[in-house]
Structures are given as structure tokens and as C-alpha cells.
Amino acid sequence: MHQQVINLKDIEYTDSINKKFVFDNEQSSLTLISFKAGSQRAIHCDEKDEVAQIIEGSAEITIGDKTYHLNEGEMIVMPAQTPHGLKAVKDTKMLLLRPKHVHN
């Protein structure tokens, strides 16, 4: 992997959700996602834990039966096999760290 400097403000807002991979390798991926205010990521489950950090704006993240209001600079772990989803309260940018299967 070659080194590069990434400006987290470079991703633009579109009509709903816009994604930009910061990196994607065999072990994990880090994605920068922008959500226009009011846009949503439907409730779903993932095989591995995920970590989300709000870097701009604010969002409501539902995990199981609880909803958390996250603001700029806050992060949360979404446990594996637990239903979760997101609604952008304001125009929001988020980093999403997702581990992948690692074969030994």
C-alpha cells in the first residue's frame, strides 16, 4: 500500500449518501461517508463489530432497541450480529472502520 495524505473534508455531500474508501485491505476497511441531513442507512446486521466516528454534523444511531445521538468527535461500537442503522440529523460525515475475516 502506498502512503497518502487524506483530507477528511474532501468528501462532498450528495442527495443522500456518498462513500469514499480511505483504505481497503485484507484485514479491514476504513470508509469516509457523507450523509445529507435526513438521509438514512436502513437497519441491518453485520458479521463483525464496526466502529463509527462522527467527524462533522450529528446523527442518530440505533443499535438494538436503543438510539444514541452522536455529535462531531464522538464514536460508537456497533456489535456484531446486532441490528443497527443511522439517520443523519444534520449534514454528517462519518468514518466507518470495518474488520474483515482474517485467515490464519
PDB file of N, CA and C in Angstrom:
ATOM      1  N   MET A   1       0.849  -1.182   0.000  1.00  0.00           N
ATOM      2  CA  MET A   1       0.000   0.000   0.000  1.00  0.00           C
ATOM      3  C   MET A   1       0.890   1.239   0.000  1.00  0.00           C
ATOM      4  N   HIS A   2       0.622   2.165  -0.900  1.00  0.00           N
ATOM      5  CA  HIS A   2       1.397   3.402  -0.919  1.00  0.00           C
ATOM      6  C   HIS A   2       0.801   4.402   0.068  1.00  0.00           C
ATOM      7  N   GLN A   3       1.646   5.256   0.588  1.00  0.00           N
ATOM      8  CA  GLN A   3       1.220   6.238   1.581  1.00  0.00           C
ATOM      9  C   GLN A   3       0.607   7.446   0.892  1.00  0.00           C
ATOM     10  N   GLN A   4      -0.411   7.994   1.516  1.00  0.00           N
ATOM     11  CA  GLN A   4      -1.011   9.214   1.003  1.00  0.00           C
ATOM     12  C   GLN A   4      -1.638   9.991   2.149  1.00  0.00           C
ATOM     13  N   VAL A   5      -1.719  11.272   1.973  1.00  0.00           N
ATOM     14  CA  VAL A   5      -2.375  12.133   2.946  1.00  0.00           C
ATOM     15  C   VAL A   5      -3.816  12.304   2.489  1.00  0.00           C
ATOM     16  N   ILE A   6      -4.746  12.105   3.413  1.00  0.00           N
ATOM     17  CA  ILE A   6      -6.161  12.192   3.080  1.00  0.00           C
ATOM     18  C   ILE A   6      -6.792  13.298   3.907  1.00  0.00           C
ATOM     19  N   ASN A   7      -7.472  14.208   3.243  1.00  0.00           N
ATOM     20  CA  ASN A   7      -8.191  15.275   3.922  1.00  0.00           C
ATOM     21  C   ASN A   7      -9.629  14.813   4.102  1.00  0.00           C
ATOM     22  N   LEU A   8     -10.060  14.642   5.348  1.00  0.00           N
ATOM     23  CA  LEU A   8     -11.390  14.124   5.617  1.00  0.00           C
ATOM     24  C   LEU A   8     -12.499  15.082   5.204  1.00  0.00           C
ATOM     25  N   LYS A   9     -12.149  16.306   4.878  1.00  0.00           N
ATOM     26  CA  LYS A   9     -13.163  17.266   4.421  1.00  0.00           C
ATOM     27  C   LYS A   9     -13.381  17.187   2.911  1.00  0.00           C
ATOM     28  N   ASP A  10     -12.591  16.342   2.219  1.00  0.00           N
ATOM     29  CA  ASP A  10     -12.673  16.266   0.762  1.00  0.00           C
ATOM     30  C   ASP A  10     -13.944  15.612   0.230  1.00  0.00           C
ATOM     31  N   ILE A  11     -14.605  14.777   1.009  1.00  0.00           N
ATOM     32  CA  ILE A  11     -15.804  14.117   0.502  1.00  0.00           C
ATOM     33  C   ILE A  11     -16.951  15.121   0.455  1.00  0.00           C
ATOM     34  N   GLU A  12     -17.698  15.072  -0.628  1.00  0.00           N
ATOM     35  CA  GLU A  12     -18.781  16.038  -0.815  1.00  0.00           C
ATOM     36  C   GLU A  12     -20.120  15.437  -0.425  1.00  0.00           C
ATOM     37  N   TYR A  13     -21.055  16.306  -0.132  1.00  0.00           N
ATOM     38  CA  TYR A  13     -22.419  15.869   0.132  1.00  0.00           C
ATOM     39  C   TYR A  13     -23.143  15.719  -1.197  1.00  0.00           C
ATOM     40  N   THR A  14     -23.910  14.634  -1.319  1.00  0.00           N
ATOM     41  CA  THR A  14     -24.746  14.424  -2.498  1.00  0.00           C
ATOM     42  C   THR A  14     -26.193  14.433  -2.027  1.00  0.00           C
ATOM     43  N   ASP A  15     -27.101  13.969  -2.851  1.00  0.00           N
ATOM     44  CA  ASP A  15     -28.515  13.976  -2.479  1.00  0.00           C
ATOM     45  C   ASP A  15     -28.832  13.080  -1.282  1.00  0.00           C
ATOM     46  N   SER A  16     -28.008  12.063  -1.045  1.00  0.00           N
ATOM     47  CA  SER A  16     -28.281  11.191   0.100  1.00  0.00           C
ATOM     48  C   SER A  16     -26.988  10.745   0.772  1.00  0.00           C
ATOM     49  N   ILE A  17     -26.380   9.651   0.278  1.00  0.00           N
ATOM     50  CA  ILE A  17     -25.197   9.078   0.919  1.00  0.00           C
ATOM     51  C   ILE A  17     -24.070   8.977  -0.099  1.00  0.00           C
ATOM     52  N   ASN A  18     -22.867   9.383   0.302  1.00  0.00           N
ATOM     53  CA  ASN A  18     -21.690   9.325  -0.567  1.00  0.00           C
ATOM     54  C   ASN A  18     -20.570   8.633   0.206  1.00  0.00           C
ATOM     55  N   LYS A  19     -19.878   7.672  -0.439  1.00  0.00           N
ATOM     56  CA  LYS A  19     -18.812   6.920   0.231  1.00  0.00           C
ATOM     57  C   LYS A  19     -17.485   7.113  -0.480  1.00  0.00           C
ATOM     58  N   LYS A  20     -16.417   7.144   0.329  1.00  0.00           N
ATOM     59  CA  LYS A  20     -15.055   7.212  -0.206  1.00  0.00           C
ATOM     60  C   LYS A  20     -14.186   6.295   0.650  1.00  0.00           C
ATOM     61  N   PHE A  21     -13.558   5.296   0.012  1.00  0.00           N
ATOM     62  CA  PHE A  21     -12.684   4.390   0.756  1.00  0.00           C
ATOM     63  C   PHE A  21     -11.376   5.096   1.074  1.00  0.00           C
ATOM     64  N   VAL A  22     -11.031   5.161   2.355  1.00  0.00           N
ATOM     65  CA  VAL A  22      -9.755   5.706   2.787  1.00  0.00           C
ATOM     66  C   VAL A  22      -8.701   4.624   2.587  1.00  0.00           C
ATOM     67  N   PHE A  23      -9.016   3.400   3.024  1.00  0.00           N
ATOM     68  CA  PHE A  23      -8.206   2.233   2.684  1.00  0.00           C
ATOM     69  C   PHE A  23      -9.081   0.990   2.751  1.00  0.00           C
ATOM     70  N   ASP A  24      -8.648  -0.035   2.047  1.00  0.00           N
ATOM     71  CA  ASP A  24      -9.373  -1.296   1.986  1.00  0.00           C
ATOM     72  C   ASP A  24      -8.337  -2.384   1.738  1.00  0.00           C
ATOM     73  N   ASN A  25      -8.094  -3.219   2.759  1.00  0.00           N
ATOM     74  CA  ASN A  25      -7.123  -4.294   2.587  1.00  0.00           C
ATOM     75  C   ASN A  25      -7.706  -5.607   3.104  1.00  0.00           C
ATOM     76  N   GLU A  26      -6.886  -6.642   3.219  1.00  0.00           N
ATOM     77  CA  GLU A  26      -7.377  -7.958   3.622  1.00  0.00           C
ATOM     78  C   GLU A  26      -7.898  -7.990   5.057  1.00  0.00           C
ATOM     79  N   GLN A  27      -7.385  -7.138   5.935  1.00  0.00           N
ATOM     80  CA  GLN A  27      -7.783  -7.167   7.337  1.00  0.00           C
ATOM     81  C   GLN A  27      -8.961  -6.253   7.671  1.00  0.00           C
ATOM     82  N   SER A  28      -9.038  -5.099   7.015  1.00  0.00           N
ATOM     83  CA  SER A  28     -10.070  -4.128   7.391  1.00  0.00           C
ATOM     84  C   SER A  28     -10.273  -3.090   6.296  1.00  0.00           C
ATOM     85  N   SER A  29     -11.312  -2.296   6.490  1.00  0.00           N
ATOM     86  CA  SER A  29     -11.517  -1.152   5.596  1.00  0.00           C
ATOM     87  C   SER A  29     -11.913   0.054   6.439  1.00  0.00           C
ATOM     88  N   LEU A  30     -11.557   1.221   5.947  1.00  0.00           N
ATOM     89  CA  LEU A  30     -11.934   2.478   6.572  1.00  0.00           C
ATOM     90  C   LEU A  30     -12.606   3.309   5.491  1.00  0.00           C
ATOM     91  N   THR A  31     -13.857   3.664   5.739  1.00  0.00           N
ATOM     92  CA  THR A  31     -14.649   4.376   4.745  1.00  0.00           C
ATOM     93  C   THR A  31     -15.102   5.713   5.308  1.00  0.00           C
ATOM     94  N   LEU A  32     -14.965   6.751   4.510  1.00  0.00           N
ATOM     95  CA  LEU A  32     -15.486   8.071   4.838  1.00  0.00           C
ATOM     96  C   LEU A  32     -16.839   8.182   4.149  1.00  0.00           C
ATOM     97  N   ILE A  33     -17.869   8.477   4.921  1.00  0.00           N
ATOM     98  CA  ILE A  33     -19.230   8.514   4.385  1.00  0.00           C
ATOM     99  C   ILE A  33     -19.853   9.861   4.711  1.00  0.00           C
ATOM    100  N   SER A  34     -20.503  10.463   3.717  1.00  0.00           N
ATOM    101  CA  SER A  34     -21.258  11.689   3.976  1.00  0.00           C
ATOM    102  C   SER A  34     -22.743  11.387   3.820  1.00  0.00           C
ATOM    103  N   PHE A  35     -23.522  11.915   4.745  1.00  0.00           N
ATOM    104  CA  PHE A  35     -24.971  11.754   4.748  1.00  0.00           C
ATOM    105  C   PHE A  35     -25.603  13.133   4.697  1.00  0.00           C
ATOM    106  N   LYS A  36     -26.460  13.378   3.745  1.00  0.00           N
ATOM    107  CA  LYS A  36     -27.232  14.615   3.710  1.00  0.00           C
ATOM    108  C   LYS A  36     -28.237  14.564   4.861  1.00  0.00           C
ATOM    109  N   ALA A  37     -28.516  15.677   5.490  1.00  0.00           N
ATOM    110  CA  ALA A  37     -29.483  15.724   6.593  1.00  0.00           C
ATOM    111  C   ALA A  37     -30.773  15.019   6.186  1.00  0.00           C
ATOM    112  N   GLY A  38     -31.255  14.148   7.056  1.00  0.00           N
ATOM    113  CA  GLY A  38     -32.485  13.412   6.797  1.00  0.00           C
ATOM    114  C   GLY A  38     -32.283  12.069   6.119  1.00  0.00           C
ATOM    115  N   SER A  39     -31.103  11.836   5.539  1.00  0.00           N
ATOM    116  CA  SER A  39     -30.882  10.545   4.883  1.00  0.00           C
ATOM    117  C   SER A  39     -30.652   9.465   5.937  1.00  0.00           C
ATOM    118  N   GLN A  40     -30.910   8.215   5.542  1.00  0.00           N
ATOM    119  CA  GLN A  40     -30.845   7.114   6.488  1.00  0.00           C
ATOM    120  C   GLN A  40     -30.111   5.919   5.908  1.00  0.00           C
ATOM    121  N   ARG A  41     -29.501   5.161   6.790  1.00  0.00           N
ATOM    122  CA  ARG A  41     -28.950   3.838   6.467  1.00  0.00           C
ATOM    123  C   ARG A  41     -29.874   2.871   7.180  1.00  0.00           C
ATOM    124  N   ALA A  42     -30.555   2.016   6.423  1.00  0.00           N
ATOM    125  CA  ALA A  42     -31.564   1.116   6.976  1.00  0.00           C
ATOM    126  C   ALA A  42     -30.972   0.177   8.028  1.00  0.00           C
ATOM    127  N   ILE A  43     -31.825  -0.270   8.926  1.00  0.00           N
ATOM    128  CA  ILE A  43     -31.424  -1.237   9.947  1.00  0.00           C
ATOM    129  C   ILE A  43     -30.909  -2.499   9.254  1.00  0.00           C
ATOM    130  N   HIS A  44     -29.747  -2.977   9.711  1.00  0.00           N
ATOM    131  CA  HIS A  44     -29.119  -4.173   9.141  1.00  0.00           C
ATOM    132  C   HIS A  44     -28.195  -4.787  10.191  1.00  0.00           C
ATOM    133  N   CYS A  45     -27.645  -5.956   9.907  1.00  0.00           N
ATOM    134  CA  CYS A  45     -26.682  -6.623  10.790  1.00  0.00           C
ATOM    135  C   CYS A  45     -25.401  -6.891  10.021  1.00  0.00           C
ATOM    136  N   ASP A  46     -24.295  -6.948  10.739  1.00  0.00           N
ATOM    137  CA  ASP A  46     -23.006  -7.284  10.149  1.00  0.00           C
ATOM    138  C   ASP A  46     -22.368  -8.415  10.947  1.00  0.00           C
ATOM    139  N   GLU A  47     -21.452  -9.146  10.300  1.00  0.00           N
ATOM    140  CA  GLU A  47     -20.800 -10.291  10.930  1.00  0.00           C
ATOM    141  C   GLU A  47     -19.756  -9.893  11.969  1.00  0.00           C
ATOM    142  N   LYS A  48     -19.184  -8.716  11.836  1.00  0.00           N
ATOM    143  CA  LYS A  48     -18.111  -8.259  12.733  1.00  0.00           C
ATOM    144  C   LYS A  48     -18.508  -6.939  13.390  1.00  0.00           C
ATOM    145  N   ASP A  49     -17.863  -6.627  14.515  1.00  0.00           N
ATOM    146  CA  ASP A  49     -18.051  -5.311  15.131  1.00  0.00           C
ATOM    147  C   ASP A  49     -17.635  -4.230  14.137  1.00  0.00           C
ATOM    148  N   GLU A  50     -18.282  -3.084  14.211  1.00  0.00           N
ATOM    149  CA  GLU A  50     -17.902  -1.913  13.420  1.00  0.00           C
ATOM    150  C   GLU A  50     -17.749  -0.734  14.369  1.00  0.00           C
ATOM    151  N   VAL A  51     -16.889   0.203  13.993  1.00  0.00           N
ATOM    152  CA  VAL A  51     -16.693   1.414  14.788  1.00  0.00           C
ATOM    153  C   VAL A  51     -17.014   2.612  13.908  1.00  0.00           C
ATOM    154  N   ALA A  52     -17.883   3.485  14.400  1.00  0.00           N
ATOM    155  CA  ALA A  52     -18.260   4.695  13.666  1.00  0.00           C
ATOM    156  C   ALA A  52     -17.835   5.915  14.469  1.00  0.00           C
ATOM    157  N   GLN A  53     -17.239   6.898  13.781  1.00  0.00           N
ATOM    158  CA  GLN A  53     -16.877   8.165  14.414  1.00  0.00           C
ATOM    159  C   GLN A  53     -17.460   9.298  13.588  1.00  0.00           C
ATOM    160  N   ILE A  54     -18.202  10.174  14.242  1.00  0.00           N
ATOM    161  CA  ILE A  54     -18.761  11.351  13.580  1.00  0.00           C
ATOM    162  C   ILE A  54     -17.664  12.408  13.519  1.00  0.00           C
ATOM    163  N   ILE A  55     -17.337  12.867  12.313  1.00  0.00           N
ATOM    164  CA  ILE A  55     -16.294  13.892  12.190  1.00  0.00           C
ATOM    165  C   ILE A  55     -16.878  15.254  11.820  1.00  0.00           C
ATOM    166  N   GLU A  56     -18.164  15.270  11.471  1.00  0.00           N
ATOM    167  CA  GLU A  56     -18.844  16.538  11.178  1.00  0.00           C
ATOM    168  C   GLU A  56     -20.336  16.287  11.283  1.00  0.00           C
ATOM    169  N   GLY A  57     -21.078  17.224  11.850  1.00  0.00           N
ATOM    170  CA  GLY A  57     -22.527  17.101  11.936  1.00  0.00           C
ATOM    171  C   GLY A  57     -22.981  16.282  13.125  1.00  0.00           C
ATOM    172  N   SER A  58     -24.159  15.653  12.990  1.00  0.00           N
ATOM    173  CA  SER A  58     -24.688  14.800  14.051  1.00  0.00           C
ATOM    174  C   SER A  58     -25.636  13.770  13.447  1.00  0.00           C
ATOM    175  N   ALA A  59     -25.741  12.644  14.149  1.00  0.00           N
ATOM    176  CA  ALA A  59     -26.567  11.544  13.653  1.00  0.00           C
ATOM    177  C   ALA A  59     -27.171  10.782  14.818  1.00  0.00           C
ATOM    178  N   GLU A  60     -28.295  10.135  14.543  1.00  0.00           N
ATOM    179  CA  GLU A  60     -28.899   9.208  15.487  1.00  0.00           C
ATOM    180  C   GLU A  60     -28.557   7.804  15.006  1.00  0.00           C
ATOM    181  N   ILE A  61     -27.878   7.043  15.851  1.00  0.00           N
ATOM    182  CA  ILE A  61     -27.514   5.676  15.507  1.00  0.00           C
ATOM    183  C   ILE A  61     -28.294   4.749  16.425  1.00  0.00           C
ATOM    184  N   THR A  62     -29.070   3.874  15.818  1.00  0.00           N
ATOM    185  CA  THR A  62     -29.853   2.901  16.566  1.00  0.00           C
ATOM    186  C   THR A  62     -29.096   1.583  16.580  1.00  0.00           C
ATOM    187  N   ILE A  63     -28.914   1.041  17.775  1.00  0.00           N
ATOM    188  CA  ILE A  63     -28.260  -0.253  17.958  1.00  0.00           C
ATOM    189  C   ILE A  63     -29.186  -1.080  18.838  1.00  0.00           C
ATOM    190  N   GLY A  64     -29.691  -2.174  18.278  1.00  0.00           N
ATOM    191  CA  GLY A  64     -30.682  -2.954  19.013  1.00  0.00           C
ATOM    192  C   GLY A  64     -31.919  -2.097  19.227  1.00  0.00           C
ATOM    193  N   ASP A  65     -32.354  -1.965  20.478  1.00  0.00           N
ATOM    194  CA  ASP A  65     -33.550  -1.160  20.760  1.00  0.00           C
ATOM    195  C   ASP A  65     -33.224   0.206  21.358  1.00  0.00           C
ATOM    196  N   LYS A  66     -31.936   0.625  21.297  1.00  0.00           N
ATOM    197  CA  LYS A  66     -31.539   1.930  21.834  1.00  0.00           C
ATOM    198  C   LYS A  66     -31.059   2.845  20.718  1.00  0.00           C
ATOM    199  N   THR A  67     -31.384   4.132  20.840  1.00  0.00           N
ATOM    200  CA  THR A  67     -30.928   5.133  19.885  1.00  0.00           C
ATOM    201  C   THR A  67     -29.982   6.095  20.595  1.00  0.00           C
ATOM    202  N   TYR A  68     -28.838   6.344  19.961  1.00  0.00           N
ATOM    203  CA  TYR A  68     -27.797   7.217  20.515  1.00  0.00           C
ATOM    204  C   TYR A  68     -27.653   8.434  19.611  1.00  0.00           C
ATOM    205  N   HIS A  69     -27.553   9.620  20.213  1.00  0.00           N
ATOM    206  CA  HIS A  69     -27.336  10.850  19.452  1.00  0.00           C
ATOM    207  C   HIS A  69     -25.844  11.165  19.512  1.00  0.00           C
ATOM    208  N   LEU A  70     -25.177  11.090  18.367  1.00  0.00           N
ATOM    209  CA  LEU A  70     -23.739  11.347  18.304  1.00  0.00           C
ATOM    210  C   LEU A  70     -23.471  12.668  17.609  1.00  0.00           C
ATOM    211  N   ASN A  71     -22.530  13.420  18.158  1.00  0.00           N
ATOM    212  CA  ASN A  71     -22.101  14.690  17.593  1.00  0.00           C
ATOM    213  C   ASN A  71     -20.653  14.585  17.132  1.00  0.00           C
ATOM    214  N   GLU A  72     -20.195  15.639  16.481  1.00  0.00           N
ATOM    215  CA  GLU A  72     -18.817  15.703  15.988  1.00  0.00           C
ATOM    216  C   GLU A  72     -17.824  15.286  17.071  1.00  0.00           C
ATOM    217  N   GLY A  73     -16.914  14.369  16.712  1.00  0.00           N
ATOM    218  CA  GLY A  73     -15.881  13.911  17.625  1.00  0.00           C
ATOM    219  C   GLY A  73     -16.256  12.689  18.442  1.00  0.00           C
ATOM    220  N   GLU A  74     -17.516  12.280  18.408  1.00  0.00           N
ATOM    221  CA  GLU A  74     -17.946  11.121  19.191  1.00  0.00           C
ATOM    222  C   GLU A  74     -17.933   9.860  18.333  1.00  0.00           C
ATOM    223  N   MET A  75     -17.728   8.724  19.007  1.00  0.00           N
ATOM    224  CA  MET A  75     -17.699   7.458  18.290  1.00  0.00           C
ATOM    225  C   MET A  75     -18.459   6.396  19.067  1.00  0.00           C
ATOM    226  N   ILE A  76     -18.811   5.308  18.359  1.00  0.00           N
ATOM    227  CA  ILE A  76     -19.567   4.223  18.978  1.00  0.00           C
ATOM    228  C   ILE A  76     -19.194   2.914  18.297  1.00  0.00           C
ATOM    229  N   VAL A  77     -19.250   1.828  19.065  1.00  0.00           N
ATOM    230  CA  VAL A  77     -19.034   0.489  18.523  1.00  0.00           C
ATOM    231  C   VAL A  77     -20.397  -0.144  18.277  1.00  0.00           C
ATOM    232  N   MET A  78     -20.569  -0.688  17.093  1.00  0.00           N
ATOM    233  CA  MET A  78     -21.791  -1.404  16.744  1.00  0.00           C
ATOM    234  C   MET A  78     -21.449  -2.891  16.770  1.00  0.00           C
ATOM    235  N   PRO A  79     -21.922  -3.619  17.799  1.00  0.00           N
ATOM    236  CA  PRO A  79     -21.531  -5.015  17.965  1.00  0.00           C
ATOM    237  C   PRO A  79     -22.002  -5.909  16.816  1.00  0.00           C
ATOM    238  N   ALA A  80     -21.220  -6.944  16.560  1.00  0.00           N
ATOM    239  CA  ALA A  80     -21.569  -7.926  15.534  1.00  0.00           C
ATOM    240  C   ALA A  80     -22.934  -8.542  15.827  1.00  0.00           C
ATOM    241  N   GLN A  81     -23.643  -8.872  14.768  1.00  0.00           N
ATOM    242  CA  GLN A  81     -24.935  -9.563  14.842  1.00  0.00           C
ATOM    243  C   GLN A  81     -26.006  -8.780  15.601  1.00  0.00           C
ATOM    244  N   THR A  82     -25.823  -7.474  15.750  1.00  0.00           N
ATOM    245  CA  THR A  82     -26.812  -6.626  16.417  1.00  0.00           C
ATOM    246  C   THR A  82     -27.385  -5.664  15.385  1.00  0.00           C
ATOM    247  N   PRO A  83     -28.712  -5.642  15.224  1.00  0.00           N
ATOM    248  CA  PRO A  83     -29.304  -4.726  14.246  1.00  0.00           C
ATOM    249  C   PRO A  83     -28.915  -3.280  14.558  1.00  0.00           C
ATOM    250  N   HIS A  84     -28.538  -2.544  13.508  1.00  0.00           N
ATOM    251  CA  HIS A  84     -28.171  -1.138  13.691  1.00  0.00           C
ATOM    252  C   HIS A  84     -28.463  -0.358  12.410  1.00  0.00           C
ATOM    253  N   GLY A  85     -28.666   0.941  12.577  1.00  0.00           N
ATOM    254  CA  GLY A  85     -28.938   1.832  11.453  1.00  0.00           C
ATOM    255  C   GLY A  85     -28.628   3.262  11.855  1.00  0.00           C
ATOM    256  N   LEU A  86     -28.743   4.174  10.897  1.00  0.00           N
ATOM    257  CA  LEU A  86     -28.349   5.564  11.133  1.00  0.00           C
ATOM    258  C   LEU A  86     -29.315   6.512  10.439  1.00  0.00           C
ATOM    259  N   LYS A  87     -29.562   7.645  11.092  1.00  0.00           N
ATOM    260  CA  LYS A  87     -30.290   8.757  10.474  1.00  0.00           C
ATOM    261  C   LYS A  87     -29.476  10.021  10.714  1.00  0.00           C
ATOM    262  N   ALA A  88     -29.171  10.742   9.641  1.00  0.00           N
ATOM    263  CA  ALA A  88     -28.416  11.993   9.759  1.00  0.00           C
ATOM    264  C   ALA A  88     -29.349  13.102  10.234  1.00  0.00           C
ATOM    265  N   VAL A  89     -29.029  13.712  11.373  1.00  0.00           N
ATOM    266  CA  VAL A  89     -29.810  14.830  11.901  1.00  0.00           C
ATOM    267  C   VAL A  89     -29.438  16.103  11.144  1.00  0.00           C
ATOM    268  N   LYS A  90     -28.142  16.274  10.902  1.00  0.00           N
ATOM    269  CA  LYS A  90     -27.603  17.382  10.108  1.00  0.00           C
ATOM    270  C   LYS A  90     -26.792  16.754   8.981  1.00  0.00           C
ATOM    271  N   ASP A  91     -26.300  17.567   8.044  1.00  0.00           N
ATOM    272  CA  ASP A  91     -25.316  17.048   7.101  1.00  0.00           C
ATOM    273  C   ASP A  91     -24.188  16.468   7.948  1.00  0.00           C
ATOM    274  N   THR A  92     -23.828  15.220   7.694  1.00  0.00           N
ATOM    275  CA  THR A  92     -22.920  14.489   8.575  1.00  0.00           C
ATOM    276  C   THR A  92     -21.847  13.757   7.786  1.00  0.00           C
ATOM    277  N   LYS A  93     -20.622  13.789   8.322  1.00  0.00           N
ATOM    278  CA  LYS A  93     -19.530  12.972   7.789  1.00  0.00           C
ATOM    279  C   LYS A  93     -19.094  12.015   8.891  1.00  0.00           C
ATOM    280  N   MET A  94     -18.869  10.761   8.492  1.00  0.00           N
ATOM    281  CA  MET A  94     -18.561   9.716   9.451  1.00  0.00           C
ATOM    282  C   MET A  94     -17.453   8.821   8.910  1.00  0.00           C
ATOM    283  N   LEU A  95     -16.565   8.394   9.793  1.00  0.00           N
ATOM    284  CA  LEU A  95     -15.592   7.356   9.460  1.00  0.00           C
ATOM    285  C   LEU A  95     -16.140   6.029   9.963  1.00  0.00           C
ATOM    286  N   LEU A  96     -16.080   4.999   9.117  1.00  0.00           N
ATOM    287  CA  LEU A  96     -16.556   3.669   9.486  1.00  0.00           C
ATOM    288  C   LEU A  96     -15.416   2.674   9.329  1.00  0.00           C
ATOM    289  N   LEU A  97     -15.012   2.055  10.443  1.00  0.00           N
ATOM    290  CA  LEU A  97     -13.959   1.045  10.440  1.00  0.00           C
ATOM    291  C   LEU A  97     -14.617  -0.325  10.503  1.00  0.00           C
ATOM    292  N   ARG A  98     -14.292  -1.158   9.501  1.00  0.00           N
ATOM    293  CA  ARG A  98     -14.885  -2.491   9.412  1.00  0.00           C
ATOM    294  C   ARG A  98     -13.785  -3.541   9.298  1.00  0.00           C
ATOM    295  N   PRO A  99     -13.672  -4.431  10.288  1.00  0.00           N
ATOM    296  CA  PRO A  99     -12.719  -5.533  10.152  1.00  0.00           C
ATOM    297  C   PRO A  99     -13.264  -6.566   9.172  1.00  0.00           C
ATOM    298  N   LYS A 100     -12.358  -7.339   8.591  1.00  0.00           N
ATOM    299  CA  LYS A 100     -12.747  -8.411   7.673  1.00  0.00           C
ATOM    300  C   LYS A 100     -12.300  -9.742   8.250  1.00  0.00           C
ATOM    301  N   HIS A 101     -12.683 -10.807   7.581  1.00  0.00           N
ATOM    302  CA  HIS A 101     -12.228 -12.138   8.004  1.00  0.00           C
ATOM    303  C   HIS A 101     -10.729 -12.242   7.812  1.00  0.00           C
ATOM    304  N   VAL A 102     -10.053 -12.736   8.810  1.00  0.00           N
ATOM    305  CA  VAL A 102      -8.614 -12.957   8.710  1.00  0.00           C
ATOM    306  C   VAL A 102      -8.386 -14.459   8.807  1.00  0.00           C
ATOM    307  N   HIS A 103      -7.749 -15.019   7.796  1.00  0.00           N
ATOM    308  CA  HIS A 103      -7.480 -16.457   7.778  1.00  0.00           C
ATOM    309  C   HIS A 103      -6.096 -16.725   8.334  1.00  0.00           C
ATOM    310  N   ASN A 104      -6.008 -17.618   9.308  1.00  0.00           N
ATOM    311  CA  ASN A 104      -4.709 -17.976   9.904  1.00  0.00           C
ATOM    312  C   ASN A 104      -4.134 -19.200   9.228  1.00  0.00           C
TER     313      ASN A 104
END
